[in-house]
Amino acid sequence: MKRDVLSFADLTADDLSELFEASRRVKGERISSALGGKILALIFEKPSLRTRFTFEAGMYELGGYAVYLAPQDIGLGKRECVPDVARNLSRWASGIMARTFEHATVTELARYASIPVINGLSDLEHPCQVLADMFTIWEKREDFSNLKLAWVGDGNNVCNSLVHASRILGFSMSIATPRGYEPRSKIEDQRSKIKITNDPMEAVQDADVIYTDVWTSMGQEAEREKRLEKFGEFQINGKLLNNAKRNCLVMHCLPAHRGEEITDDVIDGPHSIVFDQSENRLHAQKALLLKLLSK
């Protein structure tokens, strides 16, 4: 396994198999001393509930410690340049988790750090979220080979990471976005597995899993009204669910804008595994921390 996890593409099928098994194991063993004496630096440019809590709790439950660094503490690229932040933290910490706006910030941290760097979210990818998502599906279905996942909404960072997951694990994807909001991941070599459409009903046809996210992500607030107009037909609701398989699973990485991209009856309904995903952020990230920081 690579030293840094900046993209979901940094993981192999063997890595994922090992991480799924480790996630299941730590899910049943909440307290350990495996990372005793290890310190994880948490760099945040964006606010967070799940990312901050699960990484802090994960390090605590593994016997280590996490140090939270808010935007005003560092001022990446403003108060202090990214290379110097990386060099300093490498002298004190065992690893870095960074939740940033620009993906280039995460890659620059990794370039100059001598310790593992984890992408906790960037505008391009969200590998930790998708690691938890894939573990959640693995818990429910185990076999990815005949799985169809439908993405409905904005082709954002989570969607980009899911495209990589599709290639590595072998499941098919149908991605429905308004025109101009398609994912940025390269899919030319995956045309047999990935289909992009502008019709959400077509995308969810016979889907095993339906996944959505907010239409307006952090940093896009100025586009909110335009996006609400463009995405109006891309809501996950009962009508859309009727076009998928009867036992389909519904996923959302949270936070949800209820009544926009998903309705209450769906996110709180029997098809939803949304809060299983949320819980599994803790377990999947603990498995990742063990793999990267135990070396």
C-alpha atoms as a PDB file:
ATOM      1  CA  MET A   1       0.000   0.000   0.000  1.00  0.00           C
ATOM      2  CA  LYS A   2       1.230   3.495  -0.822  1.00  0.00           C
ATOM      3  CA  ARG A   3       2.436   5.772   1.962  1.00  0.00           C
ATOM      4  CA  ASP A   4      -0.155   8.451   1.157  1.00  0.00           C
ATOM      5  CA  VAL A   5      -3.867   8.157   0.298  1.00  0.00           C
ATOM      6  CA  LEU A   6      -4.665  11.260  -1.737  1.00  0.00           C
ATOM      7  CA  SER A   7      -7.032   9.613  -4.220  1.00  0.00           C
ATOM      8  CA  PHE A   8      -9.156   6.482  -4.115  1.00  0.00           C
ATOM      9  CA  ALA A   9      -7.008   5.399  -7.068  1.00  0.00           C
ATOM     10  CA  ASP A  10      -4.093   5.045  -4.616  1.00  0.00           C
ATOM     11  CA  LEU A  11      -5.788   1.882  -3.298  1.00  0.00           C
ATOM     12  CA  THR A  12      -5.680  -1.510  -4.994  1.00  0.00           C
ATOM     13  CA  ALA A  13      -8.181  -4.360  -4.876  1.00  0.00           C
ATOM     14  CA  ASP A  14      -5.882  -6.168  -2.444  1.00  0.00           C
ATOM     15  CA  ASP A  15      -5.630  -3.053  -0.277  1.00  0.00           C
ATOM     16  CA  LEU A  16      -9.414  -2.783  -0.165  1.00  0.00           C
ATOM     17  CA  SER A  17      -9.892  -6.449   0.706  1.00  0.00           C
ATOM     18  CA  GLU A  18      -7.461  -6.033   3.593  1.00  0.00           C
ATOM     19  CA  LEU A  19      -9.070  -2.759   4.723  1.00  0.00           C
ATOM     20  CA  PHE A  20     -12.600  -4.233   4.643  1.00  0.00           C
ATOM     21  CA  GLU A  21     -11.527  -7.140   6.836  1.00  0.00           C
ATOM     22  CA  ALA A  22      -9.707  -4.786   9.189  1.00  0.00           C
ATOM     23  CA  SER A  23     -12.746  -2.459   9.315  1.00  0.00           C
ATOM     24  CA  ARG A  24     -14.965  -5.373  10.298  1.00  0.00           C
ATOM     25  CA  ARG A  25     -12.481  -6.429  12.964  1.00  0.00           C
ATOM     26  CA  VAL A  26     -12.112  -2.987  14.575  1.00  0.00           C
ATOM     27  CA  LYS A  27     -15.878  -2.515  14.443  1.00  0.00           C
ATOM     28  CA  GLY A  28     -16.109  -5.286  17.017  1.00  0.00           C
ATOM     29  CA  GLU A  29     -13.057  -4.169  19.027  1.00  0.00           C
ATOM     30  CA  ARG A  30     -13.652  -0.542  19.896  1.00  0.00           C
ATOM     31  CA  ILE A  31     -10.634   0.097  22.156  1.00  0.00           C
ATOM     32  CA  SER A  32      -7.028  -0.813  21.349  1.00  0.00           C
ATOM     33  CA  SER A  33      -3.496   0.369  22.099  1.00  0.00           C
ATOM     34  CA  ALA A  34      -2.224  -0.354  18.572  1.00  0.00           C
ATOM     35  CA  LEU A  35      -1.320   3.283  17.875  1.00  0.00           C
ATOM     36  CA  GLY A  36      -0.120   4.166  21.363  1.00  0.00           C
ATOM     37  CA  GLY A  37       2.273   7.117  21.181  1.00  0.00           C
ATOM     38  CA  LYS A  38       1.166   8.076  17.635  1.00  0.00           C
ATOM     39  CA  ILE A  39      -0.106  11.580  16.872  1.00  0.00           C
ATOM     40  CA  LEU A  40      -2.255  12.538  13.888  1.00  0.00           C
ATOM     41  CA  ALA A  41      -2.327  16.171  12.755  1.00  0.00           C
ATOM     42  CA  LEU A  42      -5.774  17.217  11.487  1.00  0.00           C
ATOM     43  CA  ILE A  43      -5.662  20.152   9.055  1.00  0.00           C
ATOM     44  CA  PHE A  44      -9.038  21.734   8.300  1.00  0.00           C
ATOM     45  CA  GLU A  45      -9.808  24.437   5.738  1.00  0.00           C
ATOM     46  CA  LYS A  46     -13.501  23.430   5.719  1.00  0.00           C
ATOM     47  CA  PRO A  47     -15.896  22.795   8.627  1.00  0.00           C
ATOM     48  CA  SER A  48     -16.762  19.187   9.410  1.00  0.00           C
ATOM     49  CA  LEU A  49     -18.846  16.919  11.620  1.00  0.00           C
ATOM     50  CA  ARG A  50     -18.076  13.382  10.420  1.00  0.00           C
ATOM     51  CA  THR A  51     -14.463  13.859   9.311  1.00  0.00           C
ATOM     52  CA  ARG A  52     -13.302  15.587  12.472  1.00  0.00           C
ATOM     53  CA  PHE A  53     -15.199  13.423  14.943  1.00  0.00           C
ATOM     54  CA  THR A  54     -14.336  10.069  13.331  1.00  0.00           C
ATOM     55  CA  PHE A  55     -10.623  10.792  12.925  1.00  0.00           C
ATOM     56  CA  GLU A  56     -10.308  12.156  16.470  1.00  0.00           C
ATOM     57  CA  ALA A  57     -12.347   9.318  17.954  1.00  0.00           C
ATOM     58  CA  GLY A  58     -10.544   6.782  15.776  1.00  0.00           C
ATOM     59  CA  MET A  59      -7.125   7.835  17.033  1.00  0.00           C
ATOM     60  CA  TYR A  60      -8.388   7.819  20.627  1.00  0.00           C
ATOM     61  CA  GLU A  61      -9.867   4.331  20.261  1.00  0.00           C
ATOM     62  CA  LEU A  62      -6.579   3.078  18.795  1.00  0.00           C
ATOM     63  CA  GLY A  63      -4.588   4.490  21.700  1.00  0.00           C
ATOM     64  CA  GLY A  64      -3.197   7.499  19.836  1.00  0.00           C
ATOM     65  CA  TYR A  65      -3.959  11.209  19.839  1.00  0.00           C
ATOM     66  CA  ALA A  66      -5.217  13.727  17.283  1.00  0.00           C
ATOM     67  CA  VAL A  67      -4.388  17.443  17.177  1.00  0.00           C
ATOM     68  CA  TYR A  68      -7.029  19.598  15.482  1.00  0.00           C
ATOM     69  CA  LEU A  69      -5.691  22.555  13.481  1.00  0.00           C
ATOM     70  CA  ALA A  70      -8.378  25.042  12.450  1.00  0.00           C
ATOM     71  CA  PRO A  71      -8.016  27.335   9.395  1.00  0.00           C
ATOM     72  CA  GLN A  72      -6.915  30.261  11.571  1.00  0.00           C
ATOM     73  CA  ASP A  73      -4.243  28.140  13.263  1.00  0.00           C
ATOM     74  CA  ILE A  74      -2.213  27.647  10.081  1.00  0.00           C
ATOM     75  CA  GLY A  75      -3.495  29.804   7.231  1.00  0.00           C
ATOM     76  CA  LEU A  76      -2.162  27.396   4.603  1.00  0.00           C
ATOM     77  CA  GLY A  77      -0.373  29.293   1.842  1.00  0.00           C
ATOM     78  CA  LYS A  78      -1.036  32.626   3.562  1.00  0.00           C
ATOM     79  CA  ARG A  79       0.430  32.736   7.059  1.00  0.00           C
ATOM     80  CA  GLU A  80       2.817  29.899   6.199  1.00  0.00           C
ATOM     81  CA  CYS A  81       3.584  28.093   2.956  1.00  0.00           C
ATOM     82  CA  VAL A  82       2.380  24.524   2.518  1.00  0.00           C
ATOM     83  CA  PRO A  83       5.882  22.965   2.244  1.00  0.00           C
ATOM     84  CA  ASP A  84       6.942  24.480   5.559  1.00  0.00           C
ATOM     85  CA  VAL A  85       3.754  23.282   7.278  1.00  0.00           C
ATOM     86  CA  ALA A  86       4.463  19.779   5.967  1.00  0.00           C
ATOM     87  CA  ARG A  87       8.082  19.881   7.118  1.00  0.00           C
ATOM     88  CA  ASN A  88       7.140  21.098  10.607  1.00  0.00           C
ATOM     89  CA  LEU A  89       4.396  18.548  11.146  1.00  0.00           C
ATOM     90  CA  SER A  90       6.731  15.776   9.956  1.00  0.00           C
ATOM     91  CA  ARG A  91       8.983  16.561  12.948  1.00  0.00           C
ATOM     92  CA  TRP A  92       6.128  16.257  15.471  1.00  0.00           C
ATOM     93  CA  ALA A  93       3.391  13.976  14.152  1.00  0.00           C
ATOM     94  CA  SER A  94       3.078  10.434  12.834  1.00  0.00           C
ATOM     95  CA  GLY A  95       0.650  11.367  10.067  1.00  0.00           C
ATOM     96  CA  ILE A  96      -1.406  14.187   8.539  1.00  0.00           C
ATOM     97  CA  MET A  97      -5.076  14.245   7.593  1.00  0.00           C
ATOM     98  CA  ALA A  98      -6.033  17.288   5.520  1.00  0.00           C
ATOM     99  CA  ARG A  99      -9.507  18.536   4.587  1.00  0.00           C
ATOM    100  CA  THR A 100      -8.932  21.260   2.007  1.00  0.00           C
ATOM    101  CA  PHE A 101     -10.473  23.202  -0.830  1.00  0.00           C
ATOM    102  CA  GLU A 102      -7.882  22.698  -3.582  1.00  0.00           C
ATOM    103  CA  HIS A 103      -6.642  19.177  -4.257  1.00  0.00           C
ATOM    104  CA  ALA A 104      -3.223  20.652  -5.026  1.00  0.00           C
ATOM    105  CA  THR A 105      -2.881  21.556  -1.337  1.00  0.00           C
ATOM    106  CA  VAL A 106      -3.122  17.894  -0.328  1.00  0.00           C
ATOM    107  CA  THR A 107      -0.663  16.775  -2.997  1.00  0.00           C
ATOM    108  CA  GLU A 108       1.795  19.502  -1.973  1.00  0.00           C
ATOM    109  CA  LEU A 109       1.574  18.445   1.671  1.00  0.00           C
ATOM    110  CA  ALA A 110       2.365  14.878   0.630  1.00  0.00           C
ATOM    111  CA  ARG A 111       5.274  16.014  -1.542  1.00  0.00           C
ATOM    112  CA  TYR A 112       7.059  17.767   1.315  1.00  0.00           C
ATOM    113  CA  ALA A 113       5.992  15.601   4.279  1.00  0.00           C
ATOM    114  CA  SER A 114       8.042  12.615   5.370  1.00  0.00           C
ATOM    115  CA  ILE A 115       5.006  11.068   7.098  1.00  0.00           C
ATOM    116  CA  PRO A 116       1.768   9.645   5.603  1.00  0.00           C
ATOM    117  CA  VAL A 117      -0.783  12.141   4.306  1.00  0.00           C
ATOM    118  CA  ILE A 118      -4.489  11.295   4.034  1.00  0.00           C
ATOM    119  CA  ASN A 119      -6.931  13.275   1.916  1.00  0.00           C
ATOM    120  CA  GLY A 120      -9.878  13.860   4.260  1.00  0.00           C
ATOM    121  CA  LEU A 121     -11.653  15.756   1.458  1.00  0.00           C
ATOM    122  CA  SER A 122     -10.660  18.033  -1.396  1.00  0.00           C
ATOM    123  CA  ASP A 123     -12.625  19.635  -4.195  1.00  0.00           C
ATOM    124  CA  LEU A 124     -11.502  16.808  -6.496  1.00  0.00           C
ATOM    125  CA  GLU A 125     -11.918  13.684  -4.350  1.00  0.00           C
ATOM    126  CA  HIS A 126     -13.217  12.258  -1.072  1.00  0.00           C
ATOM    127  CA  PRO A 127     -11.448   8.884  -0.748  1.00  0.00           C
ATOM    128  CA  CYS A 128     -12.156   8.346   2.960  1.00  0.00           C
ATOM    129  CA  GLN A 129     -15.889   8.730   2.388  1.00  0.00           C
ATOM    130  CA  VAL A 130     -15.861   6.246  -0.473  1.00  0.00           C
ATOM    131  CA  LEU A 131     -13.734   3.787   1.505  1.00  0.00           C
ATOM    132  CA  ALA A 132     -16.481   3.772   4.160  1.00  0.00           C
ATOM    133  CA  ASP A 133     -19.132   3.522   1.431  1.00  0.00           C
ATOM    134  CA  MET A 134     -17.502   0.493  -0.180  1.00  0.00           C
ATOM    135  CA  PHE A 135     -17.106  -1.174   3.216  1.00  0.00           C
ATOM    136  CA  THR A 136     -20.803  -0.537   3.884  1.00  0.00           C
ATOM    137  CA  ILE A 137     -21.830  -2.130   0.574  1.00  0.00           C
ATOM    138  CA  TRP A 138     -19.418  -5.020   1.243  1.00  0.00           C
ATOM    139  CA  GLU A 139     -21.120  -5.612   4.601  1.00  0.00           C
ATOM    140  CA  LYS A 140     -24.534  -5.759   2.915  1.00  0.00           C
ATOM    141  CA  ARG A 141     -23.755  -7.517  -0.380  1.00  0.00           C
ATOM    142  CA  GLU A 142     -20.088  -8.688  -0.301  1.00  0.00           C
ATOM    143  CA  ASP A 143     -19.946  -9.271  -4.079  1.00  0.00           C
ATOM    144  CA  PHE A 144     -19.331  -6.207  -6.251  1.00  0.00           C
ATOM    145  CA  SER A 145     -19.097  -7.998  -9.591  1.00  0.00           C
ATOM    146  CA  ASN A 146     -22.777  -7.773 -10.567  1.00  0.00           C
ATOM    147  CA  LEU A 147     -23.549  -4.578  -8.676  1.00  0.00           C
ATOM    148  CA  LYS A 148     -24.969  -1.491 -10.359  1.00  0.00           C
ATOM    149  CA  LEU A 149     -24.576   1.848  -8.550  1.00  0.00           C
ATOM    150  CA  ALA A 150     -26.553   4.845  -9.784  1.00  0.00           C
ATOM    151  CA  TRP A 151     -25.250   8.309  -8.940  1.00  0.00           C
ATOM    152  CA  VAL A 152     -27.875  11.053  -9.194  1.00  0.00           C
ATOM    153  CA  GLY A 153     -26.943  14.723  -8.811  1.00  0.00           C
ATOM    154  CA  ASP A 154     -23.723  16.709  -9.069  1.00  0.00           C
ATOM    155  CA  GLY A 155     -20.624  15.001 -10.485  1.00  0.00           C
ATOM    156  CA  ASN A 156     -18.617  16.140  -7.468  1.00  0.00           C
ATOM    157  CA  ASN A 157     -15.643  14.907  -5.439  1.00  0.00           C
ATOM    158  CA  VAL A 158     -17.506  11.889  -4.041  1.00  0.00           C
ATOM    159  CA  CYS A 159     -18.627  10.910  -7.535  1.00  0.00           C
ATOM    160  CA  ASN A 160     -15.027  11.208  -8.787  1.00  0.00           C
ATOM    161  CA  SER A 161     -13.831   8.810  -6.072  1.00  0.00           C
ATOM    162  CA  LEU A 162     -16.679   6.397  -6.832  1.00  0.00           C
ATOM    163  CA  VAL A 163     -15.541   6.265 -10.476  1.00  0.00           C
ATOM    164  CA  HIS A 164     -12.148   5.017  -9.247  1.00  0.00           C
ATOM    165  CA  ALA A 165     -13.891   2.531  -6.942  1.00  0.00           C
ATOM    166  CA  SER A 166     -15.862   1.184  -9.913  1.00  0.00           C
ATOM    167  CA  ARG A 167     -12.657   0.477 -11.817  1.00  0.00           C
ATOM    168  CA  ILE A 168     -10.923  -1.186  -8.869  1.00  0.00           C
ATOM    169  CA  LEU A 169     -13.833  -3.284  -7.561  1.00  0.00           C
ATOM    170  CA  GLY A 170     -15.519  -4.019 -10.898  1.00  0.00           C
ATOM    171  CA  PHE A 171     -19.052  -2.721 -10.333  1.00  0.00           C
ATOM    172  CA  SER A 172     -20.940  -0.708 -12.939  1.00  0.00           C
ATOM    173  CA  MET A 173     -22.098   2.891 -12.570  1.00  0.00           C
ATOM    174  CA  SER A 174     -24.779   4.978 -14.169  1.00  0.00           C
ATOM    175  CA  ILE A 175     -24.227   8.682 -13.511  1.00  0.00           C
ATOM    176  CA  ALA A 176     -27.077  11.156 -14.008  1.00  0.00           C
ATOM    177  CA  THR A 177     -26.232  14.862 -13.834  1.00  0.00           C
ATOM    178  CA  PRO A 178     -27.580  17.997 -15.469  1.00  0.00           C
ATOM    179  CA  ARG A 179     -25.599  18.999 -18.568  1.00  0.00           C
ATOM    180  CA  GLY A 180     -22.327  20.620 -17.564  1.00  0.00           C
ATOM    181  CA  TYR A 181     -22.162  18.962 -14.139  1.00  0.00           C
ATOM    182  CA  GLU A 182     -20.585  15.635 -15.144  1.00  0.00           C
ATOM    183  CA  PRO A 183     -17.733  14.157 -13.020  1.00  0.00           C
ATOM    184  CA  ARG A 184     -14.139  15.211 -13.652  1.00  0.00           C
ATOM    185  CA  SER A 185     -12.707  11.690 -13.351  1.00  0.00           C
ATOM    186  CA  LYS A 186     -11.440  10.154 -16.579  1.00  0.00           C
ATOM    187  CA  ILE A 187     -13.753   7.347 -17.662  1.00  0.00           C
ATOM    188  CA  GLU A 188     -12.609   6.718 -21.236  1.00  0.00           C
ATOM    189  CA  ASP A 189     -11.182   3.305 -20.286  1.00  0.00           C
ATOM    190  CA  GLN A 190     -14.353   2.347 -18.396  1.00  0.00           C
ATOM    191  CA  ARG A 191     -17.028   2.887 -21.044  1.00  0.00           C
ATOM    192  CA  SER A 192     -18.243  -0.699 -20.628  1.00  0.00           C
ATOM    193  CA  LYS A 193     -18.795  -0.131 -16.892  1.00  0.00           C
ATOM    194  CA  ILE A 194     -19.789   3.527 -16.635  1.00  0.00           C
ATOM    195  CA  LYS A 195     -22.582   5.341 -18.408  1.00  0.00           C
ATOM    196  CA  ILE A 196     -23.230   9.071 -18.137  1.00  0.00           C
ATOM    197  CA  THR A 197     -26.725  10.388 -18.785  1.00  0.00           C
ATOM    198  CA  ASN A 198     -28.815  13.468 -18.100  1.00  0.00           C
ATOM    199  CA  ASP A 199     -31.878  11.352 -17.251  1.00  0.00           C
ATOM    200  CA  PRO A 200     -32.136  10.264 -13.587  1.00  0.00           C
ATOM    201  CA  MET A 201     -34.923   7.756 -14.347  1.00  0.00           C
ATOM    202  CA  GLU A 202     -32.668   6.039 -16.868  1.00  0.00           C
ATOM    203  CA  ALA A 203     -29.757   6.006 -14.428  1.00  0.00           C
ATOM    204  CA  VAL A 204     -31.617   4.243 -11.615  1.00  0.00           C
ATOM    205  CA  GLN A 205     -33.177   1.585 -13.850  1.00  0.00           C
ATOM    206  CA  ASP A 206     -32.395  -1.787 -12.206  1.00  0.00           C
ATOM    207  CA  ALA A 207     -29.921  -0.154  -9.799  1.00  0.00           C
ATOM    208  CA  ASP A 208     -28.786  -2.037  -6.683  1.00  0.00           C
ATOM    209  CA  VAL A 209     -27.573   1.167  -5.031  1.00  0.00           C
ATOM    210  CA  ILE A 210     -28.692   4.773  -5.511  1.00  0.00           C
ATOM    211  CA  TYR A 211     -26.314   7.449  -4.247  1.00  0.00           C
ATOM    212  CA  THR A 212     -26.754  11.208  -4.010  1.00  0.00           C
ATOM    213  CA  ASP A 213     -25.143  14.237  -2.372  1.00  0.00           C
ATOM    214  CA  VAL A 214     -25.975  17.896  -1.861  1.00  0.00           C
ATOM    215  CA  TRP A 215     -26.444  19.956  -5.019  1.00  0.00           C
ATOM    216  CA  THR A 216     -24.429  22.866  -3.618  1.00  0.00           C
ATOM    217  CA  SER A 217     -21.169  21.970  -1.884  1.00  0.00           C
ATOM    218  CA  MET A 218     -19.044  24.170   0.373  1.00  0.00           C
ATOM    219  CA  GLY A 219     -17.468  26.937  -1.685  1.00  0.00           C
ATOM    220  CA  GLN A 220     -20.324  26.936  -4.221  1.00  0.00           C
ATOM    221  CA  GLU A 221     -22.804  28.995  -2.214  1.00  0.00           C
ATOM    222  CA  ALA A 222     -22.905  31.758  -4.851  1.00  0.00           C
ATOM    223  CA  GLU A 223     -24.280  29.192  -7.327  1.00  0.00           C
ATOM    224  CA  ARG A 224     -27.046  27.949  -5.055  1.00  0.00           C
ATOM    225  CA  GLU A 225     -30.070  29.457  -6.833  1.00  0.00           C
ATOM    226  CA  LYS A 226     -28.787  28.416 -10.258  1.00  0.00           C
ATOM    227  CA  ARG A 227     -28.128  24.891  -9.027  1.00  0.00           C
ATOM    228  CA  LEU A 228     -31.563  24.542  -7.411  1.00  0.00           C
ATOM    229  CA  GLU A 229     -33.089  25.346 -10.789  1.00  0.00           C
ATOM    230  CA  LYS A 230     -30.803  23.010 -12.746  1.00  0.00           C
ATOM    231  CA  PHE A 231     -31.090  20.039 -10.364  1.00  0.00           C
ATOM    232  CA  GLY A 232     -34.840  20.092  -9.716  1.00  0.00           C
ATOM    233  CA  GLU A 233     -35.469  16.815 -11.575  1.00  0.00           C
ATOM    234  CA  PHE A 234     -32.627  14.994  -9.819  1.00  0.00           C
ATOM    235  CA  GLN A 235     -34.226  14.469  -6.414  1.00  0.00           C
ATOM    236  CA  ILE A 236     -34.152  10.999  -4.825  1.00  0.00           C
ATOM    237  CA  ASN A 237     -37.804  10.390  -3.968  1.00  0.00           C
ATOM    238  CA  GLY A 238     -40.351   7.583  -3.979  1.00  0.00           C
ATOM    239  CA  LYS A 239     -41.080   7.951  -7.679  1.00  0.00           C
ATOM    240  CA  LEU A 240     -37.409   7.553  -8.587  1.00  0.00           C
ATOM    241  CA  LEU A 241     -37.001   4.607  -6.224  1.00  0.00           C
ATOM    242  CA  ASN A 242     -39.773   2.753  -8.035  1.00  0.00           C
ATOM    243  CA  ASN A 243     -37.536   2.548 -11.109  1.00  0.00           C
ATOM    244  CA  ALA A 244     -34.721   0.768  -9.239  1.00  0.00           C
ATOM    245  CA  LYS A 245     -34.585  -2.781  -7.901  1.00  0.00           C
ATOM    246  CA  ARG A 246     -37.108  -3.534  -5.154  1.00  0.00           C
ATOM    247  CA  ASN A 247     -34.350  -4.188  -2.616  1.00  0.00           C
ATOM    248  CA  CYS A 248     -32.115  -1.294  -3.659  1.00  0.00           C
ATOM    249  CA  LEU A 249     -29.999   0.565  -1.110  1.00  0.00           C
ATOM    250  CA  VAL A 250     -29.983   4.355  -0.824  1.00  0.00           C
ATOM    251  CA  MET A 251     -26.795   6.209   0.128  1.00  0.00           C
ATOM    252  CA  HIS A 252     -25.912   9.808   0.963  1.00  0.00           C
ATOM    253  CA  CYS A 253     -22.557  10.995   2.337  1.00  0.00           C
ATOM    254  CA  LEU A 254     -24.175  13.749   4.471  1.00  0.00           C
ATOM    255  CA  PRO A 255     -24.884  16.436   5.424  1.00  0.00           C
ATOM    256  CA  ALA A 256     -28.228  16.218   3.611  1.00  0.00           C
ATOM    257  CA  HIS A 257     -30.366  19.112   2.467  1.00  0.00           C
ATOM    258  CA  ARG A 258     -33.645  17.337   3.107  1.00  0.00           C
ATOM    259  CA  GLY A 259     -36.324  18.260   0.619  1.00  0.00           C
ATOM    260  CA  GLU A 260     -33.741  19.136  -2.036  1.00  0.00           C
ATOM    261  CA  GLU A 261     -31.621  16.214  -3.274  1.00  0.00           C
ATOM    262  CA  ILE A 262     -33.480  13.662  -1.118  1.00  0.00           C
ATOM    263  CA  THR A 263     -36.859  13.462   0.601  1.00  0.00           C
ATOM    264  CA  ASP A 264     -37.456  12.629   4.269  1.00  0.00           C
ATOM    265  CA  ASP A 265     -39.396   9.456   3.461  1.00  0.00           C
ATOM    266  CA  VAL A 266     -36.418   8.082   1.508  1.00  0.00           C
ATOM    267  CA  ILE A 267     -33.532   9.035   3.783  1.00  0.00           C
ATOM    268  CA  ASP A 268     -35.486   7.765   6.813  1.00  0.00           C
ATOM    269  CA  GLY A 269     -37.046   4.843   4.940  1.00  0.00           C
ATOM    270  CA  PRO A 270     -36.308   1.103   4.731  1.00  0.00           C
ATOM    271  CA  HIS A 271     -33.971   1.402   1.716  1.00  0.00           C
ATOM    272  CA  SER A 272     -31.665   3.905   3.421  1.00  0.00           C
ATOM    273  CA  ILE A 273     -28.240   2.851   4.709  1.00  0.00           C
ATOM    274  CA  VAL A 274     -27.156   6.476   5.103  1.00  0.00           C
ATOM    275  CA  PHE A 275     -26.404   6.276   8.815  1.00  0.00           C
ATOM    276  CA  ASP A 276     -24.623   2.940   8.383  1.00  0.00           C
ATOM    277  CA  GLN A 277     -22.292   4.802   6.023  1.00  0.00           C
ATOM    278  CA  SER A 278     -21.822   7.516   8.610  1.00  0.00           C
ATOM    279  CA  GLU A 279     -20.977   5.047  11.370  1.00  0.00           C
ATOM    280  CA  ASN A 280     -18.586   3.216   9.089  1.00  0.00           C
ATOM    281  CA  ARG A 281     -16.523   6.347   8.526  1.00  0.00           C
ATOM    282  CA  LEU A 282     -15.129   5.646  12.002  1.00  0.00           C
ATOM    283  CA  HIS A 283     -14.336   1.981  11.400  1.00  0.00           C
ATOM    284  CA  ALA A 284     -12.958   2.290   7.858  1.00  0.00           C
ATOM    285  CA  GLN A 285     -10.717   5.189   8.845  1.00  0.00           C
ATOM    286  CA  LYS A 286      -9.440   3.283  11.871  1.00  0.00           C
ATOM    287  CA  ALA A 287      -8.469   0.464   9.522  1.00  0.00           C
ATOM    288  CA  LEU A 288      -6.707   2.953   7.263  1.00  0.00           C
ATOM    289  CA  LEU A 289      -4.886   4.573  10.183  1.00  0.00           C
ATOM    290  CA  LEU A 290      -3.711   1.183  11.396  1.00  0.00           C
ATOM    291  CA  LYS A 291      -2.378   0.350   7.952  1.00  0.00           C
ATOM    292  CA  LEU A 292      -0.565   3.666   7.449  1.00  0.00           C
ATOM    293  CA  LEU A 293       0.650   4.530  10.937  1.00  0.00           C
ATOM    294  CA  SER A 294       1.634   1.100  12.250  1.00  0.00           C
ATOM    295  CA  LYS A 295       4.606   0.969   9.905  1.00  0.00           C
END
